[in-house]
C-alpha cells in the first residue's frame, strides 16, 4: 500500500535542487536547472575525450615523428638523387663539349698546316714557274700560282673564313663568365661539312700543283730532248757537254722527309728538267745555228766545184750568199771574236769562236765592225758585205769549222730552222 506521505498530487511540481553558498554573512542560493546539469555532463564528457586523446597522442607521438622523419628523408634523398643525375648529365655534356672543342682545334690545326704547306710550296714553285714561263713552257700571262681556278681560290678563301669563324666560336665558348650552351648536332654536322670542303679544296690544289709540276717536267724534258736530238745531228752531243760541266755535289745519306718527299722529288725533277732545258738552249744559242745573211739566196754550196779562177776542180770550204756591197753581215751565233783582219784569199775576215771546238768565218767583207777579243751575241752585226780577197764579185762567204776542220754549214742552217720553234 502506498503511504500517504508518498503520494504526489497531479499538479504537484517536481522539487528543485538548490545549492546554498555561504560566505561569511552572505548566503546565496543557486538553483540547479536540468539544462545546467546537461551542460555540466557534456563538459565533463568533452574534457574526458580530450584527456583520452592527449593521452593517445602522447602514446603514439614517437611513431608519428618517426614516420614524418622517414618521409622527409625519403623526399630529401629523391631530390639528392635527382641533383646527382643532373650533375652527371651536365658533366657528360661538358666533357662532350670539351672533346668536340679539342677535335675542332685539331682539325683547324691540320687545315692550317696544309695551308702553310701550300704557301711554302708556292714559295718553292714561284721561281720554277717563272723559269718555265721564260722557257716558253707556260704562256707569259698565265697565273704564277700554277693556273688555279679563281672560283677554287674563292672557295678555299671562304673555307678559311669559316675556319676563322669556328675559331672565334671556340674562343667564345671557352671564355669565362659566359652561359654554357651545348653544341647542337646540326652545328657539328655543318662544322664537319665545312672542314670536309676545305680539306677537299686544299687536297685538290695540292694535286693540281703536283700535276702541273709533272706536266711542266715532261714538257721541259721533251723540249730538251728535241733540241739535243737536233744538235746531235750536227755532231754536237749536248748531253755529254752539259754533263761534263755539271758542278760537284755530295753530302751524307739521310732518310727523306716522308711528308714532303713526293712534292720535293717532283720539284727537284722539274728543276733538273728546266736546268737541262736552259743549258741545252744556251748551248744552241751559242752555237752557229743562225744565218749570216737572213733572207738571202745561196749562190754556192759547200763541197767540190770548178774554181772560177783556175777552171779546175777545187774544194769550196763554205757557202756563198748573194749580197750587195755594204749589206749587213750577222753573227750566226754567240761567241768571242778571235780574228778581225785581212787574211789572204778571204780578204777582210772575221772569225768567231763559239766554244765546244766550233768556229765560224765570214770572208770578203768590205768593212769589219768588230775587233779581236769582242764578245758578240747571236745576230749581232759584225761587218759589211763586199768583194775583198779572192772574189769575183760582192757576196758573203760563210764557213763552219769543228776543231779547225771545215764542215758543211747547211747542216747547221737546217738545224737552226728546226730549232726556231724551240728557241723563241
Protein backbone atom coordinates (compact mmCIF):
# COMPACT_ATOMS: atom_id res chain seq x y z
CA UNK A 1 0.00 0.00 0.00
CA UNK A 2 1.14 3.43 -0.68
CA UNK A 3 1.87 5.61 2.20
CA UNK A 4 0.01 8.84 2.39
CA UNK A 5 3.22 10.74 2.68
CA UNK A 6 4.50 9.28 -0.60
CA UNK A 7 1.62 10.36 -2.67
CA UNK A 8 2.05 13.28 -5.05
CA UNK A 9 -0.61 15.44 -6.36
CA UNK A 10 -1.47 15.52 -10.02
CA UNK A 11 -0.44 19.15 -10.36
CA UNK A 12 2.41 19.00 -7.90
CA UNK A 13 5.79 20.26 -9.30
CA UNK A 14 8.98 18.28 -9.16
CA UNK A 15 11.23 19.59 -6.47
CA UNK A 16 14.12 21.73 -7.48
CA UNK A 17 17.71 21.23 -6.34
CA UNK A 18 19.15 24.26 -4.61
CA UNK A 19 22.78 24.83 -3.83
CA UNK A 20 23.42 27.16 -0.92
CA UNK A 21 26.68 29.07 -0.95
CA UNK A 22 27.56 30.79 2.31
CA UNK A 23 30.44 33.18 2.73
CA UNK A 24 30.52 34.98 5.98
CA UNK A 25 27.24 36.66 6.46
CA UNK A 26 26.37 36.36 2.82
CA UNK A 27 24.29 33.44 1.73
CA UNK A 28 23.50 32.71 -1.91
CA UNK A 29 21.06 30.26 -3.32
CA UNK A 30 21.67 28.74 -6.79
CA UNK A 31 19.06 26.60 -8.25
CA UNK A 32 20.38 23.76 -10.38
CA UNK A 33 18.41 23.57 -13.57
CA UNK A 34 18.24 20.45 -15.74
CA UNK A 35 19.97 22.11 -18.63
CA UNK A 36 22.80 23.14 -16.36
CA UNK A 37 23.24 19.55 -15.36
CA UNK A 38 23.26 18.53 -19.02
CA UNK A 39 25.89 21.17 -19.86
CA UNK A 40 27.99 20.03 -16.97
CA UNK A 41 27.79 16.43 -18.04
CA UNK A 42 28.70 17.40 -21.66
CA UNK A 43 31.64 19.47 -20.49
CA UNK A 44 32.88 16.61 -18.38
CA UNK A 45 32.49 14.27 -21.33
CA UNK A 46 34.42 16.66 -23.63
CA UNK A 47 37.20 17.01 -21.14
CA UNK A 48 37.36 13.29 -20.75
CA UNK A 49 37.61 12.78 -24.52
CA UNK A 50 40.30 15.49 -24.75
CA UNK A 51 42.18 13.84 -21.93
CA UNK A 52 41.98 10.48 -23.63
CA UNK A 53 43.04 12.00 -26.98
CA UNK A 54 46.01 13.75 -25.38
CA UNK A 55 46.98 10.56 -23.67
CA UNK A 56 46.75 8.64 -27.02
CA UNK A 57 48.77 11.34 -28.83
CA UNK A 58 51.47 11.17 -26.20
CA UNK A 59 51.44 7.40 -26.53
CA UNK A 60 51.68 7.35 -30.36
CA UNK A 61 53.73 10.54 -30.78
CA UNK A 62 57.11 8.82 -31.27
CA UNK A 63 55.70 6.64 -34.04
CA UNK A 64 54.25 9.67 -35.84
CA UNK A 65 57.51 11.56 -35.57
CA UNK A 66 59.44 8.60 -36.95
CA UNK A 67 57.05 8.33 -39.90
CA UNK A 68 57.31 12.06 -40.62
CA UNK A 69 61.11 11.98 -40.39
CA UNK A 70 61.29 8.94 -42.67
CA UNK A 71 59.05 10.62 -45.22
CA UNK A 72 61.12 13.80 -45.12
CA UNK A 73 64.32 11.76 -45.53
CA UNK A 74 62.84 9.93 -48.49
CA UNK A 75 61.89 13.21 -50.18
CA UNK A 76 65.36 14.64 -49.48
CA UNK A 77 67.02 11.51 -50.89
CA UNK A 78 64.94 11.76 -54.07
CA UNK A 79 66.00 15.38 -54.52
CA UNK A 80 69.64 14.49 -53.93
CA UNK A 81 69.44 11.63 -56.44
CA UNK A 82 67.86 13.96 -58.97
CA UNK A 83 70.56 16.59 -58.42
CA UNK A 84 73.28 13.93 -58.77
CA UNK A 85 71.74 12.72 -62.03
CA UNK A 86 71.58 16.28 -63.35
CA UNK A 87 75.22 16.83 -62.36
CA UNK A 88 76.24 13.63 -64.13
CA UNK A 89 74.36 14.69 -67.24
CA UNK A 90 75.92 18.15 -67.09
CA UNK A 91 79.42 16.65 -66.68
CA UNK A 92 78.76 14.35 -69.63
CA UNK A 93 77.63 17.23 -71.82
CA UNK A 94 80.56 19.37 -70.67
CA UNK A 95 83.00 16.54 -71.37
CA UNK A 96 81.47 16.04 -74.81
CA UNK A 97 81.74 19.74 -75.49
CA UNK A 98 85.40 19.76 -74.47
CA UNK A 99 86.12 16.73 -76.64
CA UNK A 100 84.33 18.34 -79.58
CA UNK A 101 86.32 21.50 -78.99
CA UNK A 102 89.61 19.56 -78.94
CA UNK A 103 88.66 17.72 -82.11
CA UNK A 104 87.72 21.05 -83.69
CA UNK A 105 91.05 22.59 -82.73
CA UNK A 106 92.92 19.57 -84.08
CA UNK A 107 91.07 19.83 -87.39
CA UNK A 108 91.77 23.55 -87.58
CA UNK A 109 95.45 22.98 -86.84
CA UNK A 110 95.60 20.28 -89.52
CA UNK A 111 93.98 22.54 -92.12
CA UNK A 112 96.27 25.42 -91.19
CA UNK A 113 99.26 23.11 -91.54
CA UNK A 114 98.02 22.13 -95.01
CA UNK A 115 97.54 25.78 -95.90
CA UNK A 116 101.04 26.66 -94.64
CA UNK A 117 102.43 23.75 -96.64
CA UNK A 118 100.71 25.07 -99.77
CA UNK A 119 102.14 28.54 -99.16
CA UNK A 120 105.58 27.03 -98.61
CA UNK A 121 105.23 25.05 -101.82
CA UNK A 122 104.14 28.18 -103.62
CA UNK A 123 107.38 29.81 -102.47
CA UNK A 124 109.33 26.92 -103.97
CA UNK A 125 107.23 26.79 -107.13
CA UNK A 126 107.29 30.52 -107.85
CA UNK A 127 110.86 30.70 -109.23
CA UNK A 128 110.40 27.44 -111.14
CA UNK A 129 107.17 28.67 -112.77
CA UNK A 130 108.88 31.92 -113.71
CA UNK A 131 111.67 29.90 -115.32
CA UNK A 132 109.05 27.81 -117.10
CA UNK A 133 107.45 30.99 -118.46
CA UNK A 134 110.82 32.28 -119.61
CA UNK A 135 111.44 28.93 -121.28
CA UNK A 136 108.15 29.19 -123.15
CA UNK A 137 106.57 26.20 -121.41
CA UNK A 138 103.82 28.42 -119.98
CA UNK A 139 102.03 31.42 -121.50
CA UNK A 140 103.52 34.71 -120.35
CA UNK A 141 100.18 35.92 -118.96
CA UNK A 142 99.30 32.77 -117.04
CA UNK A 143 98.79 32.74 -113.28
CA UNK A 144 102.10 32.36 -111.49
CA UNK A 145 100.46 30.13 -108.91
CA UNK A 146 100.07 27.43 -111.49
CA UNK A 147 96.83 28.37 -113.21
CA UNK A 148 94.48 27.73 -110.31
CA UNK A 149 90.81 28.32 -110.86
CA UNK A 150 89.70 31.67 -109.34
CA UNK A 151 86.49 30.03 -108.18
CA UNK A 152 88.55 27.38 -106.42
CA UNK A 153 90.63 30.10 -104.73
CA UNK A 154 87.44 31.86 -103.65
CA UNK A 155 86.11 28.56 -102.29
CA UNK A 156 89.26 27.99 -100.30
CA UNK A 157 89.14 31.59 -99.07
CA UNK A 158 85.57 31.05 -97.91
CA UNK A 159 86.66 27.88 -96.16
CA UNK A 160 89.43 29.72 -94.33
CA UNK A 161 86.90 32.35 -93.24
CA UNK A 162 84.73 29.53 -91.97
CA UNK A 163 87.69 28.20 -90.02
CA UNK A 164 88.26 31.65 -88.53
CA UNK A 165 84.59 31.78 -87.56
CA UNK A 166 84.86 28.38 -85.92
CA UNK A 167 87.97 29.50 -84.09
CA UNK A 168 86.08 32.55 -82.86
CA UNK A 169 83.21 30.34 -81.75
CA UNK A 170 85.62 28.09 -79.89
CA UNK A 171 87.25 31.02 -78.14
CA UNK A 172 83.88 32.46 -77.22
CA UNK A 173 82.68 29.13 -75.85
CA UNK A 174 85.73 28.81 -73.63
CA UNK A 175 85.60 32.37 -72.34
CA UNK A 176 84.83 32.67 -68.60
CA UNK A 177 81.56 34.16 -67.44
CA UNK A 178 79.54 33.02 -70.42
CA UNK A 179 76.50 30.79 -70.16
CA UNK A 180 77.16 27.20 -71.23
CA UNK A 181 75.36 26.13 -74.37
CA UNK A 182 75.99 22.58 -75.68
CA UNK A 183 76.73 22.09 -79.36
CA UNK A 184 73.76 21.05 -81.38
CA UNK A 185 74.05 18.15 -83.75
CA UNK A 186 73.24 20.35 -86.71
CA UNK A 187 76.15 22.64 -85.84
CA UNK A 188 78.51 19.67 -85.62
CA UNK A 189 77.31 18.41 -88.97
CA UNK A 190 77.79 21.83 -90.55
CA UNK A 191 81.26 22.06 -88.99
CA UNK A 192 82.26 18.67 -90.39
CA UNK A 193 80.89 19.71 -93.78
CA UNK A 194 82.96 22.92 -93.76
CA UNK A 195 86.11 21.02 -92.80
CA UNK A 196 85.43 18.40 -95.44
CA UNK A 197 85.02 21.02 -98.15
CA UNK A 198 88.12 22.99 -97.14
CA UNK A 199 90.21 19.84 -96.82
CA UNK A 200 88.97 18.65 -100.22
CA UNK A 201 89.82 22.03 -101.77
CA UNK A 202 93.32 22.03 -100.28
CA UNK A 203 93.92 18.48 -101.46
CA UNK A 204 92.67 19.37 -104.93
CA UNK A 205 95.06 22.33 -105.06
CA UNK A 206 97.88 20.05 -103.93
CA UNK A 207 97.04 17.54 -106.66
CA UNK A 208 96.82 20.35 -109.22
CA UNK A 209 100.25 21.57 -108.16
CA UNK A 210 101.74 18.11 -108.49
CA UNK A 211 100.01 17.60 -111.86
CA UNK A 212 101.27 21.00 -113.05
CA UNK A 213 104.80 20.17 -111.96
CA UNK A 214 104.63 16.77 -113.64
CA UNK A 215 103.31 18.32 -116.87
CA UNK A 216 106.00 21.02 -116.92
CA UNK A 217 108.68 18.42 -116.19
CA UNK A 218 107.53 16.29 -119.12
CA UNK A 219 107.34 19.33 -121.43
CA UNK A 220 110.80 20.54 -120.40
CA UNK A 221 112.31 17.09 -120.86
CA UNK A 222 110.67 16.59 -124.25
CA UNK A 223 111.77 20.04 -125.45
CA UNK A 224 115.33 19.46 -124.22
CA UNK A 225 115.37 16.04 -125.88
CA UNK A 226 114.15 17.52 -129.15
CA UNK A 227 116.82 20.25 -129.09
CA UNK A 228 119.52 17.75 -128.10
CA UNK A 229 118.45 15.46 -130.94
CA UNK A 230 118.70 18.29 -133.47
CA UNK A 231 122.10 19.32 -132.14
CA UNK A 232 123.32 15.74 -132.21
CA UNK A 233 122.62 15.56 -135.95
CA UNK A 234 125.17 18.34 -136.39
CA UNK A 235 127.76 16.44 -134.37
CA UNK A 236 127.19 18.22 -131.06
CA UNK A 237 126.49 15.81 -128.18
CA UNK A 238 124.88 18.31 -125.84
CA UNK A 239 124.25 15.79 -123.06
CA UNK A 240 127.91 14.90 -122.86
CA UNK A 241 128.87 18.57 -122.89
CA UNK A 242 126.42 19.62 -120.17
CA UNK A 243 127.18 16.58 -118.01
CA UNK A 244 130.87 17.33 -118.13
CA UNK A 245 130.23 20.89 -116.96
CA UNK A 246 128.00 19.97 -114.00
CA UNK A 247 129.16 21.17 -110.60
CA UNK A 248 130.12 18.67 -107.93
CA UNK A 249 127.51 17.68 -105.37
CA UNK A 250 127.56 15.45 -102.31
CA UNK A 251 126.72 15.03 -98.64
CA UNK A 252 125.75 12.37 -96.10
CA UNK A 253 122.93 9.98 -96.99
CA UNK A 254 119.84 10.74 -94.89
CA UNK A 255 116.29 9.47 -94.98
CA UNK A 256 113.88 11.80 -96.82
CA UNK A 257 111.09 13.64 -95.07
CA UNK A 258 108.13 11.44 -95.97
CA UNK A 259 105.59 14.24 -95.57
CA UNK A 260 107.13 16.31 -98.32
CA UNK A 261 109.18 13.69 -100.17
CA UNK A 262 106.78 13.38 -103.12
CA UNK A 263 106.47 17.13 -103.59
CA UNK A 264 110.20 17.75 -103.16
CA UNK A 265 111.01 14.97 -105.60
CA UNK A 266 108.68 16.48 -108.17
CA UNK A 267 110.16 19.96 -107.58
CA UNK A 268 113.68 18.62 -107.90
CA UNK A 269 112.67 16.78 -111.05
CA UNK A 270 111.22 19.97 -112.55
CA UNK A 271 114.29 21.95 -111.50
CA UNK A 272 116.58 19.40 -113.14
CA UNK A 273 114.47 19.33 -116.32
CA UNK A 274 114.42 23.14 -116.53
CA UNK A 275 118.16 23.31 -115.86
CA UNK A 276 118.81 20.84 -118.64
CA UNK A 277 116.49 22.71 -120.99
CA UNK A 278 118.17 26.03 -120.17
CA UNK A 279 121.61 24.51 -120.67
CA UNK A 280 120.60 22.97 -123.98
CA UNK A 281 119.04 26.22 -125.17
CA UNK A 282 122.03 28.30 -124.09
CA UNK A 283 124.29 25.91 -125.94
CA UNK A 284 122.08 26.00 -129.02
CA UNK A 285 122.00 29.82 -128.95
CA UNK A 286 125.76 29.99 -128.59
CA UNK A 287 126.43 27.61 -131.48
CA UNK A 288 126.15 28.91 -135.08
CA UNK A 289 122.63 27.81 -135.94
CA UNK A 290 121.66 31.20 -137.33
CA UNK A 291 122.22 32.64 -140.80
CA UNK A 292 124.80 35.35 -141.55
CA UNK A 293 122.54 36.65 -144.34
CA UNK A 294 118.87 36.08 -143.42
CA UNK A 295 116.61 36.01 -146.43
CA UNK A 296 119.49 35.98 -148.92
CA UNK A 297 119.85 33.45 -151.75
CA UNK A 298 122.61 30.87 -151.56
CA UNK A 299 124.78 31.04 -154.72
CA UNK A 300 127.39 28.37 -153.98
CA UNK A 301 127.28 25.33 -151.72
CA UNK A 302 129.88 23.50 -149.68
CA UNK A 303 131.98 20.88 -151.49
CA UNK A 304 133.99 20.35 -154.66
CA UNK A 305 133.32 22.81 -157.53
CA UNK A 306 135.10 24.28 -160.53
CA UNK A 307 137.39 27.04 -159.34
CA UNK A 308 136.33 30.36 -161.02
CA UNK A 309 139.95 31.48 -161.37
CA UNK A 310 141.75 28.26 -162.34
CA UNK A 311 138.91 26.43 -164.06
CA UNK A 312 139.66 23.12 -162.31
CA UNK A 313 138.01 21.17 -159.52
CA UNK A 314 138.66 22.54 -156.04
CA UNK A 315 137.11 22.34 -152.59
CA UNK A 316 134.78 25.15 -151.56
CA UNK A 317 135.06 25.09 -147.74
CA UNK A 318 131.90 27.12 -147.11
CA UNK A 319 128.78 28.55 -148.74
CA UNK A 320 128.19 31.85 -150.52
CA UNK A 321 125.22 34.20 -150.18
CA UNK A 322 124.23 36.80 -152.73
CA UNK A 323 124.65 40.30 -151.24
CA UNK A 324 125.38 43.80 -152.40
CA UNK A 325 128.36 45.73 -151.14
CA UNK A 326 127.68 47.31 -147.78
CA UNK A 327 124.86 44.99 -146.69
CA UNK A 328 124.95 43.81 -143.09
CA UNK A 329 126.63 40.56 -142.12
CA UNK A 330 125.33 38.90 -138.93
CA UNK A 331 126.98 36.56 -136.46
CA UNK A 332 125.47 33.07 -136.75
CA UNK A 333 125.84 32.51 -133.01
CA UNK A 334 127.19 33.97 -129.80
CA UNK A 335 130.90 33.81 -129.16
CA UNK A 336 134.24 35.56 -128.98
CA UNK A 337 135.94 37.25 -131.95
CA UNK A 338 139.34 35.58 -132.44
CA UNK A 339 140.27 37.29 -135.72
CA UNK A 340 139.19 40.55 -137.39
CA UNK A 341 141.71 41.33 -140.12
CA UNK A 342 142.70 40.94 -143.74
CA UNK A 343 143.59 37.28 -144.41
CA UNK A 344 144.84 36.40 -147.96
CA UNK A 345 142.14 34.86 -150.15
CA UNK A 346 139.45 35.60 -147.50
CA UNK A 347 140.05 39.29 -147.86
CA UNK A 348 138.68 41.05 -144.81
CA UNK A 349 137.90 38.18 -142.42
CA UNK A 350 136.07 37.85 -139.11
CA UNK A 351 136.41 34.58 -137.21
CA UNK A 352 134.31 33.83 -134.11
CA UNK A 353 134.87 31.07 -131.54
CA UNK A 354 131.54 29.65 -130.30
CA UNK A 355 133.01 27.16 -127.90
CA UNK A 356 132.86 23.36 -127.96
CA UNK A 357 135.57 23.45 -130.69
CA UNK A 358 133.29 25.20 -133.23
CA UNK A 359 134.23 28.41 -135.07
CA UNK A 360 132.73 30.38 -137.96
CA UNK A 361 134.40 32.52 -140.63
CA UNK A 362 132.96 35.47 -142.61
CA UNK A 363 135.03 36.46 -145.63
CA UNK A 364 135.28 39.07 -148.44
CA UNK A 365 133.92 41.81 -146.15
CA UNK A 366 134.09 45.38 -147.32
CA UNK A 367 134.23 46.57 -143.71
CA UNK A 368 134.92 44.97 -140.37
CA UNK A 369 132.86 46.26 -137.42
CA UNK A 370 134.34 44.20 -134.55
CA UNK A 371 137.77 43.64 -133.04
CA UNK A 372 139.56 40.55 -131.76
CA UNK A 373 138.50 39.75 -128.22
CA UNK A 374 134.98 41.21 -128.54
CA UNK A 375 132.07 39.21 -127.17
CA UNK A 376 129.24 39.12 -129.71
CA UNK A 377 125.68 37.87 -129.40
CA UNK A 378 123.84 35.76 -131.92
CA UNK A 379 122.55 38.01 -134.69
CA UNK A 380 124.98 40.85 -133.95
CA UNK A 381 126.23 42.86 -136.95
CA UNK A 382 129.94 42.11 -137.37
CA UNK A 383 130.69 43.65 -140.79
CA UNK A 384 129.54 44.71 -144.24
CA UNK A 385 129.40 42.54 -147.38
CA UNK A 386 131.98 43.16 -150.10
CA UNK A 387 134.37 41.57 -152.61
CA UNK A 388 137.80 41.75 -150.96
CA UNK A 389 140.35 38.95 -151.37
CA UNK A 390 139.94 36.15 -153.90
CA UNK A 391 136.45 37.03 -155.14
CA UNK A 392 134.69 37.62 -158.44
CA UNK A 393 132.05 39.97 -157.02
CA UNK A 394 130.21 41.15 -153.87
CA UNK A 395 128.91 38.28 -151.73
CA UNK A 396 129.20 36.76 -148.25
CA UNK A 397 131.46 33.76 -147.77
CA UNK A 398 130.50 31.73 -144.68
CA UNK A 399 132.30 28.75 -143.15
CA UNK A 400 131.73 26.49 -140.13
CA UNK A 401 134.69 24.60 -138.64
CA UNK A 402 134.92 21.98 -135.91
CA UNK A 403 138.36 21.62 -134.34
CA UNK A 404 139.78 23.55 -137.30
CA UNK A 405 138.22 21.31 -139.95
CA UNK A 406 135.62 22.71 -142.33
CA UNK A 407 132.13 21.13 -142.27
CA UNK A 408 129.04 21.82 -144.33
CA UNK A 409 127.26 24.91 -142.85
CA UNK A 410 123.96 23.75 -144.41
CA UNK A 411 123.57 21.18 -141.63
CA UNK A 412 123.70 23.98 -139.07
CA UNK A 413 121.33 26.16 -141.09
CA UNK A 414 118.78 23.35 -141.40
CA UNK A 415 119.14 22.58 -137.70
CA UNK A 416 118.67 26.29 -136.93
CA UNK A 417 115.37 26.31 -138.85
CA UNK A 418 114.14 23.35 -136.77
CA UNK A 419 115.38 24.92 -133.57
CA UNK A 420 113.49 28.12 -134.27
CA UNK A 421 110.30 26.78 -132.67
CA UNK A 422 112.19 25.70 -129.52
CA UNK A 423 114.44 28.73 -129.01
CA UNK A 424 111.93 31.55 -129.47
